[in-house]
Protein backbone atom coordinates (compact mmCIF):
# COMPACT_ATOMS: atom_id res chain seq x y z
CA UNK A 1 80.98 75.37 152.24
CA UNK A 2 84.18 77.00 152.52
CA UNK A 3 85.93 75.57 149.55
CA UNK A 4 82.84 76.60 147.32
CA UNK A 5 83.13 79.82 148.81
CA UNK A 6 86.85 80.23 147.87
CA UNK A 7 86.26 78.82 144.20
CA UNK A 8 83.28 81.78 143.80
CA UNK A 9 85.74 84.11 145.22
CA UNK A 10 89.20 82.81 142.79
CA UNK A 11 86.61 83.27 140.09
CA UNK A 12 85.68 86.81 140.55
CA UNK A 13 89.13 88.05 141.16
CA UNK A 14 90.38 86.59 138.00
CA UNK A 15 87.62 87.53 135.91
CA UNK A 16 88.66 91.31 135.92
CA UNK A 17 92.05 90.60 134.77
CA UNK A 18 91.22 87.78 132.31
CA UNK A 19 89.07 90.67 130.64
CA UNK A 20 91.83 93.51 130.71
CA UNK A 21 94.17 91.43 129.34
CA UNK A 22 91.80 90.16 126.49
CA UNK A 23 91.03 93.87 125.50
CA UNK A 24 94.70 94.75 125.77
CA UNK A 25 95.25 91.93 122.85
CA UNK A 26 92.15 93.07 121.20
CA UNK A 27 93.63 96.29 121.08
CA UNK A 28 96.73 95.44 120.01
CA UNK A 29 95.27 93.66 116.84
CA UNK A 30 93.36 96.36 116.19
CA UNK A 31 96.12 98.79 116.39
CA UNK A 32 98.33 96.54 113.85
CA UNK A 33 95.58 95.84 111.34
CA UNK A 34 95.18 99.46 111.47
CA UNK A 35 98.82 99.92 110.95
CA UNK A 36 98.93 97.60 108.07
CA UNK A 37 95.71 98.63 106.10
CA UNK A 38 96.77 102.27 106.39
CA UNK A 39 99.71 101.35 103.83
CA UNK A 40 97.29 101.07 101.32
CA UNK A 41 94.89 103.44 102.58
CA UNK A 42 96.55 106.42 104.62
CA UNK A 43 92.92 108.26 104.69
CA UNK A 44 91.83 105.60 107.84
CA UNK A 45 95.23 107.10 109.95
CA UNK A 46 94.39 110.26 108.73
CA UNK A 47 91.19 110.19 110.29
CA UNK A 48 92.21 109.08 113.49
CA UNK A 49 95.15 111.64 114.02
CA UNK A 50 92.46 114.56 112.97
CA UNK A 51 90.02 113.28 115.69
CA UNK A 52 92.87 113.25 118.60
CA UNK A 53 94.10 116.68 116.88
CA UNK A 54 91.02 118.34 117.69
CA UNK A 55 90.90 116.96 120.98
CA UNK A 56 93.98 118.42 122.13
CA UNK A 57 93.00 121.98 120.33
CA UNK A 58 89.53 122.01 122.07
CA UNK A 59 91.48 121.23 125.56
CA UNK A 60 93.95 123.97 124.90
CA UNK A 61 96.95 121.61 124.41
CA UNK A 62 98.42 123.24 121.65
CA UNK A 63 101.97 121.35 122.15
CA UNK A 64 100.52 118.11 122.07
CA UNK A 65 98.69 119.07 119.05
CA UNK A 66 101.81 120.40 117.29
CA UNK A 67 104.05 117.25 118.56
CA UNK A 68 101.20 115.24 117.05
CA UNK A 69 100.76 116.97 113.54
CA UNK A 70 104.96 116.95 113.24
CA UNK A 71 105.15 113.22 113.90
CA UNK A 72 102.18 112.57 111.51
CA UNK A 73 103.79 114.58 108.81
CA UNK A 74 106.74 112.57 109.27
CA UNK A 75 104.74 109.49 108.71
CA UNK A 76 102.27 110.63 106.03
CA UNK A 77 104.88 112.93 104.23
CA UNK A 78 103.46 115.78 102.47
CA UNK A 79 100.01 115.58 103.70
CA UNK A 80 98.56 119.00 102.94
CA UNK A 81 95.92 118.73 105.72
CA UNK A 82 98.59 117.93 107.92
CA UNK A 83 100.85 120.80 106.98
CA UNK A 84 98.00 123.52 106.87
CA UNK A 85 96.96 122.85 110.49
CA UNK A 86 100.72 122.40 111.83
CA UNK A 87 101.13 125.94 110.17
CA UNK A 88 97.97 127.41 111.94
CA UNK A 89 99.18 126.03 115.15
CA UNK A 90 102.62 127.65 114.65
CA UNK A 91 100.84 130.89 114.01
CA UNK A 92 99.00 130.56 117.13
CA UNK A 93 102.22 129.72 118.96
CA UNK A 94 103.48 133.19 117.35
CA UNK A 95 106.56 130.76 115.92
CA UNK A 96 106.31 132.35 112.53
CA UNK A 97 109.86 131.01 111.90
CA UNK A 98 108.54 127.58 111.66
CA UNK A 99 105.01 128.71 110.43
CA UNK A 100 107.07 130.04 107.35
CA UNK A 101 108.92 126.91 106.74
CA UNK A 102 105.87 125.21 106.47
CA UNK A 103 104.09 127.78 104.29
CA UNK A 104 106.87 127.55 102.07
CA UNK A 105 106.75 124.13 101.61
CA UNK A 106 102.99 123.95 101.16
CA UNK A 107 103.52 126.68 98.35
CA UNK A 108 105.89 124.08 96.45
CA UNK A 109 103.27 121.20 97.10
CA UNK A 110 100.26 123.66 95.70
CA UNK A 111 101.66 126.43 93.76
CA UNK A 112 98.23 127.30 92.59
CA UNK A 113 96.86 127.98 95.75
CA UNK A 114 97.12 131.81 96.53
CA UNK A 115 96.27 131.38 100.12
CA UNK A 116 99.69 129.62 101.06
CA UNK A 117 101.46 132.51 99.53
CA UNK A 118 99.27 135.25 101.57
CA UNK A 119 100.23 133.04 104.74
CA UNK A 120 103.81 132.53 104.01
CA UNK A 121 104.07 136.49 103.10
CA UNK A 122 102.33 137.35 106.39
CA UNK A 123 104.70 134.72 108.35
CA UNK A 124 107.51 136.72 107.21
CA UNK A 125 105.63 140.14 107.91
CA UNK A 126 104.94 138.96 111.61
CA UNK A 127 108.51 138.16 111.98
CA UNK A 128 109.96 141.56 111.10
CA UNK A 129 110.88 140.54 107.46
CA UNK A 130 109.17 142.83 105.48
CA UNK A 131 111.78 142.43 102.14
CA UNK A 132 111.02 138.55 102.31
CA UNK A 133 107.45 139.25 102.71
CA UNK A 134 107.54 141.59 99.59
CA UNK A 135 109.60 139.01 97.97
CA UNK A 136 106.87 136.48 98.08
CA UNK A 137 104.65 138.25 95.55
CA UNK A 138 107.45 139.68 93.55
CA UNK A 139 108.23 135.80 92.81
CA UNK A 140 104.99 134.72 92.05
CA UNK A 141 103.92 137.94 89.89
CA UNK A 142 107.34 137.13 87.54
CA UNK A 143 106.06 133.27 86.92
CA UNK A 144 102.31 134.39 86.58
CA UNK A 145 102.40 137.84 85.26
CA UNK A 146 98.89 137.08 83.74
CA UNK A 147 97.10 135.57 86.23
CA UNK A 148 94.18 137.88 87.54
CA UNK A 149 93.83 136.00 90.72
CA UNK A 150 97.57 136.31 91.93
CA UNK A 151 97.85 140.07 90.52
CA UNK A 152 95.13 141.13 92.54
CA UNK A 153 96.18 139.68 95.82
CA UNK A 154 99.72 140.60 95.15
CA UNK A 155 98.28 144.33 94.87
CA UNK A 156 96.35 143.71 97.99
CA UNK A 157 99.55 143.15 99.94
CA UNK A 158 100.95 146.42 98.31
CA UNK A 159 97.97 148.10 99.46
CA UNK A 160 98.40 147.32 102.86
CA UNK A 161 102.09 147.84 102.85
CA UNK A 162 100.95 151.38 102.02
CA UNK A 163 103.17 151.07 98.78
CA UNK A 164 100.47 152.56 96.53
CA UNK A 165 102.53 152.81 93.27
CA UNK A 166 102.97 148.88 93.01
CA UNK A 167 99.33 148.31 93.84
CA UNK A 168 97.97 150.72 91.21
CA UNK A 169 100.02 149.18 88.73
CA UNK A 170 99.07 145.71 89.46
CA UNK A 171 95.48 146.77 89.52
CA UNK A 172 95.67 148.34 86.12
CA UNK A 173 97.07 145.31 84.80
CA UNK A 174 94.18 143.41 86.28
CA UNK A 175 91.25 145.97 85.03
CA UNK A 176 92.89 145.31 81.60
CA UNK A 177 93.14 141.63 82.04
CA UNK A 178 89.90 141.51 82.96
CA UNK A 179 87.30 144.61 82.02
CA UNK A 180 84.15 142.74 82.51
CA UNK A 181 84.99 142.19 86.29
CA UNK A 182 83.75 145.44 88.09
CA UNK A 183 85.43 144.94 91.05
CA UNK A 184 88.52 145.33 89.71
CA UNK A 185 87.42 148.83 88.27
CA UNK A 186 86.02 149.43 92.03
CA UNK A 187 89.39 148.53 93.47
CA UNK A 188 91.10 150.60 91.02
CA UNK A 189 89.02 154.13 91.71
CA UNK A 190 89.70 153.45 95.42
CA UNK A 191 93.16 153.24 95.20
CA UNK A 192 93.17 156.33 92.99
CA UNK A 193 91.54 158.13 95.76
CA UNK A 194 93.72 156.69 98.10
CA UNK A 195 96.87 158.05 96.38
CA UNK A 196 95.26 161.59 95.83
CA UNK A 197 95.21 161.02 92.13
CA UNK A 198 91.31 162.30 91.86
CA UNK A 199 91.51 163.19 88.12
CA UNK A 200 92.02 159.36 87.69
CA UNK A 201 89.80 158.52 89.97
CA UNK A 202 87.05 160.81 88.78
CA UNK A 203 87.57 158.99 85.24
CA UNK A 204 87.59 155.86 86.51
CA UNK A 205 84.24 156.41 88.83
CA UNK A 206 82.30 158.15 85.51
CA UNK A 207 83.30 155.28 83.46
CA UNK A 208 81.52 152.80 86.36
CA UNK A 209 78.69 155.04 85.35
CA UNK A 210 78.60 154.54 81.69
CA UNK A 211 79.38 150.86 82.41
CA UNK A 212 77.71 149.45 85.25
CA UNK A 213 74.37 147.27 84.66
CA UNK A 214 73.81 147.30 88.64
CA UNK A 215 71.69 150.52 89.97
CA UNK A 216 73.48 149.75 93.09
CA UNK A 217 76.89 150.32 91.65
CA UNK A 218 75.78 153.46 89.55
CA UNK A 219 74.74 154.99 93.05
CA UNK A 220 78.30 153.90 94.75
CA UNK A 221 80.25 155.40 91.93
CA UNK A 222 77.63 158.70 91.64
CA UNK A 223 78.43 159.03 95.65
CA UNK A 224 82.17 158.42 95.43
CA UNK A 225 82.58 161.35 92.63
CA UNK A 226 80.66 163.68 94.69
CA UNK A 227 83.21 162.87 97.37
CA UNK A 228 85.87 163.97 95.11
CA UNK A 229 84.03 167.17 94.01
CA UNK A 230 83.51 168.06 97.32
CA UNK A 231 87.22 167.45 98.06
CA UNK A 232 87.85 170.11 95.41
CA UNK A 233 85.08 172.43 96.01
CA UNK A 234 83.41 171.98 92.93
CA UNK A 235 79.57 171.16 94.07
CA UNK A 236 78.45 174.23 92.70
CA UNK A 237 79.71 174.08 89.20
CA UNK A 238 78.71 170.48 89.34
CA UNK A 239 75.32 171.46 90.71
CA UNK A 240 74.72 173.31 87.72
CA UNK A 241 76.18 170.53 85.29
CA UNK A 242 73.79 168.04 87.04
CA UNK A 243 70.59 170.38 86.45
CA UNK A 244 71.08 171.08 82.72
CA UNK A 245 71.83 167.14 82.31
CA UNK A 246 68.59 166.50 83.57
CA UNK A 247 66.70 168.97 81.69
CA UNK A 248 67.95 167.24 78.57
CA UNK A 249 67.27 163.94 79.95
CA UNK A 250 64.21 163.70 82.28
CA UNK A 251 63.34 160.06 82.25
CA UNK A 252 67.16 159.40 83.51
CA UNK A 253 66.58 158.16 87.04
CA UNK A 254 70.58 158.05 87.74
CA UNK A 255 70.28 161.83 86.98
CA UNK A 256 67.34 162.51 89.59
CA UNK A 257 69.61 160.78 92.18
CA UNK A 258 72.72 162.09 91.68
CA UNK A 259 71.16 165.74 91.69
CA UNK A 260 69.36 164.86 95.09
CA UNK A 261 72.30 163.32 96.71
CA UNK A 262 74.43 166.21 95.56
CA UNK A 263 71.94 168.84 97.12
CA UNK A 264 71.87 166.72 100.40
CA UNK A 265 75.70 167.05 100.43
CA UNK A 266 75.60 170.78 100.25
CA UNK A 267 73.03 170.62 102.93
CA UNK A 268 70.40 172.24 100.79
CA UNK A 269 67.72 169.17 101.74
CA UNK A 270 64.77 171.21 100.57
CA UNK A 271 66.04 170.98 96.92
CA UNK A 272 67.01 167.52 97.43
CA UNK A 273 63.48 166.45 98.71
CA UNK A 274 61.91 168.42 95.69
CA UNK A 275 64.20 166.25 93.33
CA UNK A 276 63.27 163.18 94.53
CA UNK A 277 59.64 163.91 94.76
CA UNK A 278 59.84 164.55 91.09
CA UNK A 279 61.45 161.54 90.43
CA UNK A 280 58.89 159.54 92.47
CA UNK A 281 56.39 161.03 90.37
CA UNK A 282 58.56 160.19 87.20
CA UNK A 283 58.98 156.83 88.42
CA UNK A 284 56.12 155.63 90.43
CA UNK A 285 57.11 152.10 90.54
CA UNK A 286 60.78 152.38 91.48
CA UNK A 287 60.89 150.94 94.77
CA UNK A 288 64.35 152.68 95.41
CA UNK A 289 63.08 156.42 94.64
CA UNK A 290 60.17 155.72 96.86
CA UNK A 291 62.19 154.39 99.75
CA UNK A 292 64.92 157.46 99.28
CA UNK A 293 62.02 159.89 99.14
CA UNK A 294 60.68 158.06 102.36
CA UNK A 295 63.67 158.04 104.22
CA UNK A 296 64.39 161.87 103.44
CA UNK A 297 60.81 163.17 104.77
CA UNK A 298 61.56 161.07 108.11
CA UNK A 299 64.81 162.60 108.31
CA UNK A 300 63.81 166.03 107.83
CA UNK A 301 60.71 165.47 110.18
CA UNK A 302 58.29 165.80 107.94
CA UNK A 303 56.33 162.84 109.31
CA UNK A 304 52.92 163.03 107.83
CA UNK A 305 54.47 163.22 104.22
CA UNK A 306 56.32 160.43 105.16
CA UNK A 307 53.67 158.34 105.95
CA UNK A 308 51.69 159.03 103.10
CA UNK A 309 54.66 157.93 100.85
CA UNK A 310 54.97 154.73 102.75
CA UNK A 311 51.30 153.77 102.30
CA UNK A 312 52.37 154.15 98.37
CA UNK A 313 55.25 151.53 99.10
CA UNK A 314 53.01 149.18 100.75
CA UNK A 315 50.80 149.32 98.07
CA UNK A 316 53.60 148.60 95.77
CA UNK A 317 54.94 145.75 98.19
CA UNK A 318 51.95 144.18 99.96
CA UNK A 319 53.96 140.92 100.54
CA UNK A 320 56.04 143.14 102.94
CA UNK A 321 54.00 143.39 105.83
CA UNK A 322 56.81 144.76 108.06
CA UNK A 323 56.72 147.97 106.35
CA UNK A 324 53.35 148.56 108.68
CA UNK A 325 55.50 148.53 111.64
CA UNK A 326 57.48 151.09 110.42
CA UNK A 327 54.23 153.22 109.42
CA UNK A 328 53.12 152.72 112.92
CA UNK A 329 56.26 154.10 114.32
CA UNK A 330 55.73 157.16 112.03
CA UNK A 331 52.26 157.70 112.96
CA UNK A 332 53.11 157.41 116.37
CA UNK A 333 55.63 160.39 116.34
CA UNK A 334 52.83 162.51 115.09
CA UNK A 335 50.51 161.40 117.79
CA UNK A 336 48.02 159.52 115.37
CA UNK A 337 47.41 156.92 117.86
CA UNK A 338 44.25 155.68 116.23
CA UNK A 339 46.09 155.36 112.57
CA UNK A 340 49.36 153.55 114.54
CA UNK A 341 46.60 150.95 116.46
CA UNK A 342 45.38 150.26 113.05
CA UNK A 343 49.05 149.51 111.36
CA UNK A 344 49.76 147.44 114.17
CA UNK A 345 46.51 145.57 114.20
CA UNK A 346 47.07 144.77 110.34
CA UNK A 347 50.47 143.65 110.92
CA UNK A 348 49.68 141.14 113.73
CA UNK A 349 46.81 140.05 111.36
CA UNK A 350 49.28 139.35 108.57
CA UNK A 351 52.45 138.19 110.36
CA UNK A 352 50.96 135.51 112.72
CA UNK A 353 54.04 133.42 113.64
CA UNK A 354 56.43 136.07 114.84
CA UNK A 355 56.38 136.76 118.92
CA UNK A 356 58.47 139.48 118.59
CA UNK A 357 56.02 141.44 116.37
CA UNK A 358 53.27 140.95 119.14
CA UNK A 359 55.92 141.60 122.02
CA UNK A 360 56.55 145.35 120.18
CA UNK A 361 53.09 145.78 119.63
CA UNK A 362 52.49 145.25 123.26
CA UNK A 363 55.32 147.97 124.19
CA UNK A 364 53.21 150.43 122.19
CA UNK A 365 49.84 150.07 123.54
CA UNK A 366 51.67 149.94 127.10
CA UNK A 367 53.01 153.36 125.99
CA UNK A 368 49.53 154.89 125.18
CA UNK A 369 48.11 153.24 128.36
CA UNK A 370 45.91 150.51 126.93
CA UNK A 371 47.43 147.92 129.78
CA UNK A 372 44.71 145.44 129.05
CA UNK A 373 45.50 145.43 125.25
CA UNK A 374 49.35 145.28 126.33
CA UNK A 375 48.80 142.22 128.37
CA UNK A 376 46.66 140.55 125.67
CA UNK A 377 49.32 140.73 123.03
CA UNK A 378 52.00 139.36 125.73
CA UNK A 379 49.96 136.39 126.23
CA UNK A 380 49.78 135.52 122.70
CA UNK A 381 53.31 136.05 122.32
CA UNK A 382 53.82 133.82 125.37
CA UNK A 383 51.38 131.06 123.45
CA UNK A 384 53.55 131.49 120.23
CA UNK A 385 57.21 131.23 122.06
CA UNK A 386 56.42 129.07 125.15
CA UNK A 387 60.16 128.66 125.79
CA UNK A 388 60.56 132.36 126.32
CA UNK A 389 59.15 133.31 129.32
CA UNK A 390 60.11 136.75 129.63
CA UNK A 391 56.83 138.01 128.04
CA UNK A 392 55.04 136.75 130.71
CA UNK A 393 57.59 138.53 132.89
CA UNK A 394 57.31 141.52 131.27
CA UNK A 395 53.63 141.75 131.78
CA UNK A 396 54.38 141.54 135.44
CA UNK A 397 56.12 144.98 135.08
CA UNK A 398 53.26 146.49 133.18
CA UNK A 399 51.07 145.38 136.12
CA UNK A 400 53.06 146.46 138.86
CA UNK A 401 53.07 150.09 137.30
CA UNK A 402 49.74 150.39 136.71
CA UNK A 403 48.85 149.78 140.48
CA UNK A 404 48.00 146.01 139.83
CA UNK A 405 50.17 144.43 142.08
CA UNK A 406 48.07 141.82 143.25
CA UNK A 407 47.69 140.52 139.57
CA UNK A 408 51.05 140.78 139.16
CA UNK A 409 52.02 138.73 142.18
CA UNK A 410 50.19 135.40 141.01
CA UNK A 411 51.88 135.67 137.88
CA UNK A 412 55.42 135.90 139.79
CA UNK A 413 54.29 133.44 141.97
CA UNK A 414 53.89 130.93 139.08
CA UNK A 415 57.35 131.98 137.62
CA UNK A 416 59.11 131.01 140.60
CA UNK A 417 57.91 127.62 140.42
CA UNK A 418 57.20 127.20 136.55
CA UNK A 419 60.08 128.66 135.01
CA UNK A 420 62.76 126.60 133.27
CA UNK A 421 65.00 129.42 133.30
CA UNK A 422 67.00 130.41 136.66
CA UNK A 423 67.15 133.78 135.62
CA UNK A 424 63.67 134.35 135.07
CA UNK A 425 62.71 132.62 138.73
CA UNK A 426 65.38 135.07 140.27
CA UNK A 427 63.77 138.19 138.53
CA UNK A 428 60.42 136.69 139.80
CA UNK A 429 61.66 136.65 143.26
CA UNK A 430 62.71 139.88 143.02
CA UNK A 431 60.01 141.38 141.86
CA UNK A 432 58.14 140.05 144.81
CA UNK A 433 60.45 140.93 147.13
CA UNK A 434 60.11 144.39 146.08
CA UNK A 435 56.28 144.25 145.98
CA UNK A 436 56.22 142.82 149.61
CA UNK A 437 58.71 145.81 150.88
CA UNK A 438 56.67 148.54 152.90
CA UNK A 439 56.32 151.77 151.26
CA UNK A 440 58.54 154.76 152.47
CA UNK A 441 56.77 156.87 154.85
CA UNK A 442 56.12 159.97 153.41
CA UNK A 443 58.28 162.69 155.87
CA UNK A 444 56.06 165.32 157.53
CA UNK A 445 56.43 168.81 156.58
CA UNK A 446 58.55 170.73 159.12
CA UNK A 447 56.38 173.49 160.99
CA UNK A 448 58.14 176.85 160.64
CA UNK A 449 57.35 179.79 162.81
CA UNK A 450 55.16 182.38 160.75
CA UNK A 451 56.93 185.55 159.70
CA UNK A 452 54.60 187.04 157.28
CA UNK A 453 51.34 188.38 158.35
CA UNK A 454 49.79 187.64 155.36
CA UNK A 455 47.18 185.04 155.83
CA UNK A 456 47.84 181.73 153.86
CA UNK A 457 45.97 181.05 150.54
CA UNK A 458 43.47 178.27 151.09
CA UNK A 459 43.88 175.39 148.62
CA UNK A 460 41.60 175.25 146.21
CA UNK A 461 39.26 172.78 146.44
CA UNK A 462 40.14 169.28 144.52
CA UNK A 463 37.42 168.54 141.47
CA UNK A 464 36.53 165.00 141.78
CA UNK A 465 38.30 162.42 139.19
CA UNK A 466 35.89 162.03 135.94
CA UNK A 467 36.22 158.54 134.35
CA UNK A 468 37.36 158.75 130.51
CA UNK A 469 35.17 156.82 128.42
CA UNK A 470 36.81 154.24 126.23
CA UNK A 471 37.57 155.44 122.68
CA UNK A 472 36.37 153.23 119.83
CA UNK A 473 38.57 150.52 118.98
CA UNK A 474 40.72 151.63 115.64
CA UNK A 475 40.18 149.92 112.63
CA UNK A 476 42.66 147.87 110.96
CA UNK A 477 44.71 149.53 108.21
CA UNK A 478 43.18 148.21 104.90
CA UNK A 479 45.43 149.38 102.04
CA UNK A 480 44.02 148.75 98.64
CA UNK A 481 46.42 147.97 95.90
CA UNK A 482 45.50 149.42 92.98
CA UNK A 483 47.16 148.47 89.42
CA UNK A 484 49.65 151.20 88.80
CA UNK A 485 49.29 153.21 85.49
CA UNK A 486 52.34 154.12 83.66
CA UNK A 487 52.22 157.92 82.15
CA UNK A 488 53.12 158.30 78.49
CA UNK A 489 56.69 159.55 78.34
CA UNK A 490 56.84 163.34 77.00
CA UNK A 491 59.57 165.38 76.68
CA UNK A 492 59.91 168.14 79.33
CA UNK A 493 57.72 171.37 78.43
CA UNK A 494 59.38 173.52 81.09
CA UNK A 495 62.67 174.06 83.09
CA UNK A 496 62.08 171.73 85.90
CA UNK A 497 64.45 173.85 88.39
C-alpha cells in the first residue's frame, strides 16, 4: 500500500517538471524556427516586435521600447517603421539630437516623404538650432524647386518662423505652379494680410471672388475684403459702390450678401435686414440666403419674423425635422406656447429614434407647468434608451419639485435596486435622504412692543383658489409644402436703396 502511494506521489511530482521541460524545448524550437524563417520573410519578426513595443508603450516603459527598437533597427536595417517609431519615442523623451539623427536617415531613405523633412526640421528647432531647421527646407527647395507640395510645406515653416518675405515668395510661386488650387490662393491672401500688404491682399481676394466656384469661398473672400476695408476706414465709400453694383446687377446674389454684411459690419442692422429680405424675395429657393435672414431676425430679437421665415425654410426642407425644434424654441421666446407645443409634437412624431428629442420636449413641458406631459415624454425616452436611467432620475426631480414626493419615492426606491450605474444608485439614495429629512421649522416672529398709536391694518381675506381648466391640447404643426413658383427675371424698375 505504502509502495503504491509512493509511486503515485513520485508521478505527481515528476509530471510538472517534465511538462515544464517539454514546454521550454517547444518554445526554443519555435524561436529557432521563427528566427530562421525571418531571414526569408522579415515581416514575421517585425510583427512580434511591434506587439512587444506597443505593450511597453502602453505600460509607459518608454526606455524599454527604445531599447527594443534600437536592437530591431540593427537587426532589420533601414526598416522605415522601426525608425519612425524610434524617432517618435526619442521625441517623447525630448532627446532631439537622437530624433534628428533618425529623421535625417529617414529623409535619405524616403526623399519623397515631406513628413520626415518636417520632423527633421522640428527636431532642430526644438533643440534650439533655428539655422539648421531652416537649412532643411532650403536644401529640399533647391533640389525640388517646382514641387508644389514641398514649396507649400517650406512656406508654412517660414510663416511659423515669422519670416513673412520667404513665406510669401514661396506661396506666390506655388500659386503660379497650380493656379487651379484655390487653397494656395487663400493662403497667399492671408499671408499678405499678416504682412500688412493690404493692396496685394485686396487684389488676391477680388481674384477669388471672380474665379471661385464654391459659394462658401466667395462668402469668405467677401468677408475678408470687408475686414481690409474696415482697417482702411473705407466702409462708407465701399457701401456706395456696392449699392451701385447691386442696382446694375439685381440678380447677382453675391452682391446682396456683400452689401448686407457690410451694413452689419457698420452696425446698421436695419439696412442689413432690408437687403437680406430683398435677397430672399429675389431668390426664394436659396437656402443660404433664407438661413441668413432667419439668423438676422433672431439675433435682432425679431422672433415673430424669424418664425415666419423658418416656416418657409421648413417648407423648403421637409426632410430636416430638427428645424422644428428651432421653431419651437423661437415660439417659446415670444410666449406662443400652443404653437411651440405643436412644433414639438410634430418633431416627436417625425423623429421616433432620438431619446434626446423627447428629453428636451419634456423639459419644455416642465417649464410650462405640464408635469404629467413631461413625465410621459421622459418615459418614452427611457423606453427608447433603456440603458440610460438618467431620464427616469430626471422625472423624479420634476415630481419632487411639483410636490409629488410619494410618487418620486417609489421610483427612487426602484432605482436604488435596479439601476446598473453606481452614480444613478447614489443619486437616487441621496434624493431619498433629502425627502426623508424633516422640513425646517419656520421661525416664529418676535413680538415687539407697540410704539405706534395707529391700529394695525386687518389682513385682507384670502380668496379661495380657483382650479384652472386645462387648456385644449395643441394641434401638431402641419407645414404644407407647395411647389415654389419662380418669377420671371425682370430688370430693376426703380432704385433699391
